N, C-alpha and C. Protein backbone atom coordinates (compact mmCIF):
# COMPACT_ATOMS: atom_id res chain seq x y z
N UNK A 1 64.42 -45.12 14.08
CA UNK A 1 65.22 -45.43 15.23
C UNK A 1 65.89 -44.14 15.70
N UNK A 2 65.87 -43.91 16.99
CA UNK A 2 66.44 -42.70 17.57
C UNK A 2 67.83 -43.02 18.13
N UNK A 3 68.89 -42.55 17.47
CA UNK A 3 70.25 -42.83 17.91
C UNK A 3 70.83 -41.65 18.67
N UNK A 4 71.78 -41.93 19.53
CA UNK A 4 72.43 -40.89 20.31
C UNK A 4 73.26 -39.98 19.38
N UNK A 5 73.34 -38.70 19.72
CA UNK A 5 74.13 -37.78 18.89
C UNK A 5 75.63 -38.01 19.09
N UNK A 6 76.41 -37.46 18.18
CA UNK A 6 77.87 -37.54 18.26
C UNK A 6 78.33 -36.92 19.57
N UNK A 7 79.33 -37.52 20.20
CA UNK A 7 79.95 -36.97 21.39
C UNK A 7 80.93 -35.89 20.92
N UNK A 8 80.51 -34.63 21.00
CA UNK A 8 81.30 -33.53 20.44
C UNK A 8 82.64 -33.35 21.14
N UNK A 9 82.72 -33.64 22.42
CA UNK A 9 84.00 -33.51 23.14
C UNK A 9 85.01 -34.51 22.57
N UNK A 10 84.59 -35.77 22.43
CA UNK A 10 85.47 -36.78 21.85
C UNK A 10 85.80 -36.47 20.39
N UNK A 11 84.81 -35.96 19.66
CA UNK A 11 85.02 -35.62 18.25
C UNK A 11 86.09 -34.53 18.11
N UNK A 12 86.01 -33.50 18.95
CA UNK A 12 87.00 -32.42 18.90
C UNK A 12 88.39 -32.93 19.28
N UNK A 13 88.47 -33.80 20.28
CA UNK A 13 89.76 -34.38 20.66
C UNK A 13 90.36 -35.17 19.50
N UNK A 14 89.53 -35.93 18.82
CA UNK A 14 90.00 -36.73 17.69
C UNK A 14 90.49 -35.82 16.56
N UNK A 15 89.75 -34.77 16.28
CA UNK A 15 90.16 -33.83 15.22
C UNK A 15 91.51 -33.19 15.53
N UNK A 16 91.74 -32.86 16.78
CA UNK A 16 92.98 -32.18 17.18
C UNK A 16 94.22 -33.03 16.94
N UNK A 17 94.05 -34.33 16.78
CA UNK A 17 95.21 -35.22 16.60
C UNK A 17 95.76 -35.19 15.18
N UNK A 18 94.99 -34.68 14.23
CA UNK A 18 95.36 -34.80 12.83
C UNK A 18 95.83 -33.47 12.23
N UNK A 19 96.53 -33.58 11.11
CA UNK A 19 96.98 -32.40 10.37
C UNK A 19 95.76 -31.64 9.85
N UNK A 20 95.97 -30.38 9.54
CA UNK A 20 94.86 -29.50 9.16
C UNK A 20 94.09 -30.01 7.95
N UNK A 21 94.79 -30.47 6.92
CA UNK A 21 94.07 -30.93 5.73
C UNK A 21 93.24 -32.18 6.01
N UNK A 22 93.72 -33.04 6.88
CA UNK A 22 92.96 -34.23 7.27
C UNK A 22 91.75 -33.81 8.09
N UNK A 23 91.94 -32.86 9.00
CA UNK A 23 90.82 -32.36 9.82
C UNK A 23 89.73 -31.80 8.93
N UNK A 24 90.11 -31.02 7.92
CA UNK A 24 89.11 -30.43 7.02
C UNK A 24 88.28 -31.53 6.36
N UNK A 25 88.94 -32.57 5.92
CA UNK A 25 88.24 -33.69 5.29
C UNK A 25 87.33 -34.39 6.30
N UNK A 26 87.83 -34.57 7.52
CA UNK A 26 87.04 -35.24 8.55
C UNK A 26 85.79 -34.43 8.91
N UNK A 27 85.94 -33.12 8.98
CA UNK A 27 84.81 -32.26 9.34
C UNK A 27 83.71 -32.36 8.28
N UNK A 28 84.11 -32.43 7.02
CA UNK A 28 83.12 -32.56 5.93
C UNK A 28 82.36 -33.87 6.02
N UNK A 29 82.98 -34.87 6.62
CA UNK A 29 82.39 -36.19 6.70
C UNK A 29 82.15 -36.60 8.16
N UNK A 30 81.66 -35.66 8.96
CA UNK A 30 81.43 -35.92 10.39
C UNK A 30 80.41 -37.05 10.56
N UNK A 31 80.65 -37.92 11.54
CA UNK A 31 79.69 -39.01 11.78
C UNK A 31 78.29 -38.45 12.07
N UNK A 32 77.29 -39.22 11.69
CA UNK A 32 75.91 -38.77 11.86
C UNK A 32 75.38 -39.01 13.27
N UNK A 33 76.01 -39.97 13.99
CA UNK A 33 75.53 -40.30 15.33
C UNK A 33 76.65 -40.97 16.11
N UNK A 34 76.39 -41.27 17.36
CA UNK A 34 77.40 -41.87 18.24
C UNK A 34 77.83 -43.26 17.76
N UNK A 35 76.90 -44.03 17.23
CA UNK A 35 77.24 -45.37 16.74
C UNK A 35 78.24 -45.27 15.59
N UNK A 36 78.02 -44.37 14.65
CA UNK A 36 78.94 -44.19 13.53
C UNK A 36 80.29 -43.66 14.02
N UNK A 37 80.26 -42.75 14.98
CA UNK A 37 81.50 -42.21 15.55
C UNK A 37 82.32 -43.34 16.18
N UNK A 38 81.67 -44.18 16.94
CA UNK A 38 82.34 -45.29 17.59
C UNK A 38 82.89 -46.29 16.56
N UNK A 39 82.08 -46.59 15.55
CA UNK A 39 82.51 -47.54 14.52
C UNK A 39 83.75 -47.04 13.79
N UNK A 40 83.80 -45.75 13.49
CA UNK A 40 84.96 -45.19 12.81
C UNK A 40 86.21 -45.25 13.69
N UNK A 41 86.02 -44.97 14.96
CA UNK A 41 87.16 -45.01 15.88
C UNK A 41 87.71 -46.44 15.97
N UNK A 42 86.83 -47.40 16.13
CA UNK A 42 87.25 -48.80 16.22
C UNK A 42 87.92 -49.24 14.91
N UNK A 43 87.38 -48.81 13.79
CA UNK A 43 87.96 -49.15 12.49
C UNK A 43 89.38 -48.60 12.39
N UNK A 44 89.58 -47.37 12.83
CA UNK A 44 90.91 -46.77 12.81
C UNK A 44 91.88 -47.51 13.71
N UNK A 45 91.42 -47.88 14.89
CA UNK A 45 92.27 -48.63 15.81
C UNK A 45 92.64 -50.00 15.24
N UNK A 46 91.68 -50.66 14.62
CA UNK A 46 91.95 -51.98 14.03
C UNK A 46 92.96 -51.85 12.89
N UNK A 47 92.84 -50.79 12.11
CA UNK A 47 93.80 -50.57 11.02
C UNK A 47 95.20 -50.42 11.58
N UNK A 48 95.33 -49.63 12.63
CA UNK A 48 96.63 -49.42 13.25
C UNK A 48 97.15 -50.72 13.85
N UNK A 49 96.27 -51.50 14.48
CA UNK A 49 96.68 -52.79 15.04
C UNK A 49 97.18 -53.73 13.96
N UNK A 50 96.63 -53.64 12.77
CA UNK A 50 97.06 -54.49 11.66
C UNK A 50 98.38 -54.00 11.07
N UNK A 51 98.56 -52.68 10.99
CA UNK A 51 99.76 -52.12 10.35
C UNK A 51 100.99 -52.14 11.24
N UNK A 52 100.83 -51.81 12.51
CA UNK A 52 102.00 -51.68 13.39
C UNK A 52 102.89 -52.93 13.41
N UNK A 53 102.33 -54.13 13.60
CA UNK A 53 103.21 -55.29 13.66
C UNK A 53 103.98 -55.54 12.35
N UNK A 54 103.47 -55.05 11.25
CA UNK A 54 104.15 -55.23 9.97
C UNK A 54 105.33 -54.27 9.84
N UNK A 55 105.18 -53.05 10.36
CA UNK A 55 106.18 -52.02 10.13
C UNK A 55 107.16 -51.78 11.27
N UNK A 56 106.85 -52.23 12.48
CA UNK A 56 107.75 -51.99 13.60
C UNK A 56 109.03 -52.79 13.40
N UNK A 57 110.14 -52.10 13.55
CA UNK A 57 111.46 -52.71 13.36
C UNK A 57 112.30 -52.54 14.62
N UNK A 58 113.27 -53.40 14.78
CA UNK A 58 114.25 -53.27 15.86
C UNK A 58 115.21 -52.13 15.50
N UNK A 59 116.04 -51.74 16.46
CA UNK A 59 116.99 -50.64 16.23
C UNK A 59 117.92 -50.93 15.07
N UNK A 60 118.23 -52.21 14.82
CA UNK A 60 119.12 -52.57 13.72
C UNK A 60 118.38 -52.71 12.39
N UNK A 61 117.06 -52.41 12.38
CA UNK A 61 116.28 -52.45 11.15
C UNK A 61 115.62 -53.78 10.85
N UNK A 62 115.84 -54.78 11.68
CA UNK A 62 115.25 -56.10 11.44
C UNK A 62 113.78 -56.10 11.84
N UNK A 63 113.00 -56.86 11.11
CA UNK A 63 111.57 -57.00 11.39
C UNK A 63 111.41 -57.72 12.73
N UNK A 64 110.57 -57.16 13.61
CA UNK A 64 110.37 -57.77 14.92
C UNK A 64 109.39 -58.95 14.88
N UNK A 65 108.32 -58.79 14.12
CA UNK A 65 107.27 -59.80 14.10
C UNK A 65 107.29 -60.48 12.74
N UNK A 66 108.02 -61.58 12.66
CA UNK A 66 108.30 -62.23 11.38
C UNK A 66 107.13 -63.04 10.82
N UNK A 67 106.32 -63.62 11.68
CA UNK A 67 105.24 -64.45 11.16
C UNK A 67 103.90 -64.00 11.72
N UNK A 68 102.85 -64.56 11.14
CA UNK A 68 101.49 -64.16 11.51
C UNK A 68 101.21 -64.41 13.00
N UNK A 69 101.74 -65.49 13.55
CA UNK A 69 101.53 -65.80 14.97
C UNK A 69 102.10 -64.73 15.87
N UNK A 70 103.30 -64.27 15.57
CA UNK A 70 103.93 -63.20 16.36
C UNK A 70 103.14 -61.90 16.24
N UNK A 71 102.66 -61.62 15.03
CA UNK A 71 101.86 -60.39 14.83
C UNK A 71 100.55 -60.47 15.62
N UNK A 72 99.94 -61.66 15.64
CA UNK A 72 98.70 -61.85 16.40
C UNK A 72 98.95 -61.67 17.90
N UNK A 73 100.05 -62.20 18.40
CA UNK A 73 100.39 -62.02 19.82
C UNK A 73 100.55 -60.54 20.15
N UNK A 74 101.19 -59.80 19.26
CA UNK A 74 101.38 -58.37 19.49
C UNK A 74 100.03 -57.65 19.49
N UNK A 75 99.13 -58.03 18.58
CA UNK A 75 97.80 -57.41 18.57
C UNK A 75 97.04 -57.69 19.87
N UNK A 76 97.16 -58.90 20.38
CA UNK A 76 96.53 -59.24 21.67
C UNK A 76 97.12 -58.36 22.76
N UNK A 77 98.43 -58.20 22.74
CA UNK A 77 99.10 -57.33 23.72
C UNK A 77 98.55 -55.91 23.62
N UNK A 78 98.42 -55.38 22.39
CA UNK A 78 97.89 -54.02 22.23
C UNK A 78 96.47 -53.90 22.77
N UNK A 79 95.66 -54.89 22.48
CA UNK A 79 94.26 -54.84 22.94
C UNK A 79 94.14 -54.91 24.45
N UNK A 80 95.11 -55.54 25.10
CA UNK A 80 95.04 -55.68 26.56
C UNK A 80 95.81 -54.58 27.28
N UNK A 81 96.43 -53.68 26.54
CA UNK A 81 97.20 -52.58 27.13
C UNK A 81 96.82 -51.26 26.47
N UNK A 82 95.69 -50.68 26.91
CA UNK A 82 95.20 -49.47 26.25
C UNK A 82 96.17 -48.29 26.29
N UNK A 83 96.98 -48.18 27.34
CA UNK A 83 97.94 -47.07 27.39
C UNK A 83 98.98 -47.20 26.28
N UNK A 84 99.45 -48.41 26.05
CA UNK A 84 100.42 -48.64 24.97
C UNK A 84 99.75 -48.38 23.62
N UNK A 85 98.53 -48.87 23.46
CA UNK A 85 97.81 -48.67 22.20
C UNK A 85 97.60 -47.19 21.93
N UNK A 86 97.21 -46.44 22.95
CA UNK A 86 97.01 -44.99 22.78
C UNK A 86 98.31 -44.29 22.41
N UNK A 87 99.41 -44.68 23.07
CA UNK A 87 100.70 -44.07 22.77
C UNK A 87 101.13 -44.38 21.34
N UNK A 88 101.00 -45.64 20.93
CA UNK A 88 101.39 -46.01 19.57
C UNK A 88 100.47 -45.37 18.52
N UNK A 89 99.20 -45.27 18.84
CA UNK A 89 98.27 -44.60 17.92
C UNK A 89 98.67 -43.14 17.73
N UNK A 90 98.99 -42.46 18.83
CA UNK A 90 99.42 -41.06 18.75
C UNK A 90 100.69 -40.92 17.92
N UNK A 91 101.64 -41.82 18.13
CA UNK A 91 102.89 -41.78 17.36
C UNK A 91 102.64 -42.06 15.89
N UNK A 92 101.74 -42.99 15.60
CA UNK A 92 101.39 -43.31 14.22
C UNK A 92 100.77 -42.09 13.53
N UNK A 93 99.87 -41.42 14.22
CA UNK A 93 99.24 -40.23 13.66
C UNK A 93 100.27 -39.13 13.47
N UNK A 94 101.15 -38.92 14.47
CA UNK A 94 102.21 -37.92 14.34
C UNK A 94 103.10 -38.21 13.14
N UNK A 95 103.47 -39.46 12.98
CA UNK A 95 104.32 -39.84 11.86
C UNK A 95 103.59 -39.63 10.53
N UNK A 96 102.33 -40.00 10.47
CA UNK A 96 101.54 -39.79 9.25
C UNK A 96 101.44 -38.31 8.91
N UNK A 97 101.24 -37.49 9.92
CA UNK A 97 101.18 -36.04 9.70
C UNK A 97 102.52 -35.52 9.18
N UNK A 98 103.61 -36.00 9.75
CA UNK A 98 104.95 -35.57 9.33
C UNK A 98 105.25 -36.00 7.90
N UNK A 99 104.88 -37.22 7.56
CA UNK A 99 105.08 -37.70 6.18
C UNK A 99 104.33 -36.81 5.21
N UNK A 100 103.08 -36.46 5.55
CA UNK A 100 102.28 -35.59 4.69
C UNK A 100 102.94 -34.23 4.53
N UNK A 101 103.48 -33.68 5.62
CA UNK A 101 104.16 -32.38 5.55
C UNK A 101 105.37 -32.44 4.63
N UNK A 102 106.16 -33.50 4.75
CA UNK A 102 107.35 -33.65 3.90
C UNK A 102 106.92 -33.82 2.44
N UNK A 103 105.90 -34.61 2.19
CA UNK A 103 105.41 -34.78 0.82
C UNK A 103 104.96 -33.44 0.24
N UNK A 104 104.23 -32.67 1.03
CA UNK A 104 103.76 -31.37 0.55
C UNK A 104 104.93 -30.42 0.29
N UNK A 105 105.91 -30.41 1.20
CA UNK A 105 107.07 -29.54 1.03
C UNK A 105 107.87 -29.94 -0.20
N UNK A 106 108.01 -31.24 -0.41
CA UNK A 106 108.75 -31.73 -1.58
C UNK A 106 108.00 -31.38 -2.85
N UNK A 107 106.71 -31.60 -2.84
CA UNK A 107 105.89 -31.30 -4.01
C UNK A 107 105.98 -29.82 -4.37
N UNK A 108 105.94 -28.96 -3.34
CA UNK A 108 105.98 -27.52 -3.57
C UNK A 108 107.36 -27.03 -3.99
N UNK A 109 108.42 -27.82 -3.72
CA UNK A 109 109.76 -27.38 -4.06
C UNK A 109 110.23 -27.88 -5.43
N UNK A 110 109.46 -28.78 -6.03
CA UNK A 110 109.84 -29.30 -7.34
C UNK A 110 109.54 -28.28 -8.43
N UNK A 111 110.40 -28.20 -9.44
CA UNK A 111 110.12 -27.28 -10.54
C UNK A 111 108.95 -27.81 -11.37
N UNK A 112 108.25 -26.92 -12.03
CA UNK A 112 107.15 -27.38 -12.88
C UNK A 112 107.67 -28.22 -14.04
N UNK A 113 106.85 -29.12 -14.47
CA UNK A 113 107.19 -29.98 -15.60
C UNK A 113 106.40 -29.50 -16.80
N UNK A 114 107.03 -29.49 -17.95
CA UNK A 114 106.33 -29.09 -19.17
C UNK A 114 105.71 -30.35 -19.77
N UNK A 115 104.40 -30.33 -19.87
CA UNK A 115 103.68 -31.48 -20.42
C UNK A 115 103.86 -31.54 -21.93
N UNK A 116 103.48 -32.66 -22.50
CA UNK A 116 103.62 -32.85 -23.94
C UNK A 116 102.88 -31.78 -24.73
N UNK A 117 101.77 -31.29 -24.17
CA UNK A 117 101.00 -30.28 -24.89
C UNK A 117 101.55 -28.87 -24.67
N UNK A 118 102.68 -28.77 -23.93
CA UNK A 118 103.33 -27.47 -23.74
C UNK A 118 102.88 -26.71 -22.52
N UNK A 119 101.93 -27.26 -21.74
CA UNK A 119 101.48 -26.57 -20.54
C UNK A 119 102.35 -26.96 -19.37
N UNK A 120 102.42 -26.08 -18.39
CA UNK A 120 103.24 -26.31 -17.19
C UNK A 120 102.40 -27.04 -16.15
N UNK A 121 103.00 -28.09 -15.56
CA UNK A 121 102.32 -28.85 -14.51
C UNK A 121 103.27 -29.00 -13.34
N UNK A 122 102.72 -29.12 -12.12
CA UNK A 122 103.54 -29.40 -10.96
C UNK A 122 103.69 -30.90 -10.84
N UNK A 123 104.90 -31.36 -10.48
CA UNK A 123 105.14 -32.81 -10.37
C UNK A 123 104.40 -33.39 -9.21
């Protein structure tokens, strides 16, 4: 079967959204064709659609979508409003990148731990 090649313009745009270490991993595992590229993008969007309603909170910290029905309504809203979905996806990626940066900075700032065998390890 002859499948269409990866859309390199879209692929580069997608790579630019992520932190460097994530990009490196993505490049090593580049989709083989346009169908795989599209499937991965849809999978990522579906993951975000599933996670956002669980984690979005009001300004006072209360959960906005308390039950499955409310979460489903929000997912329908996201699917019917691509501009909102794109904005939330970008914010989700930005936040994920920031969390990774903080984790790396914290990991690098911790003193080494002496293991039981006497060797030094990073926490």
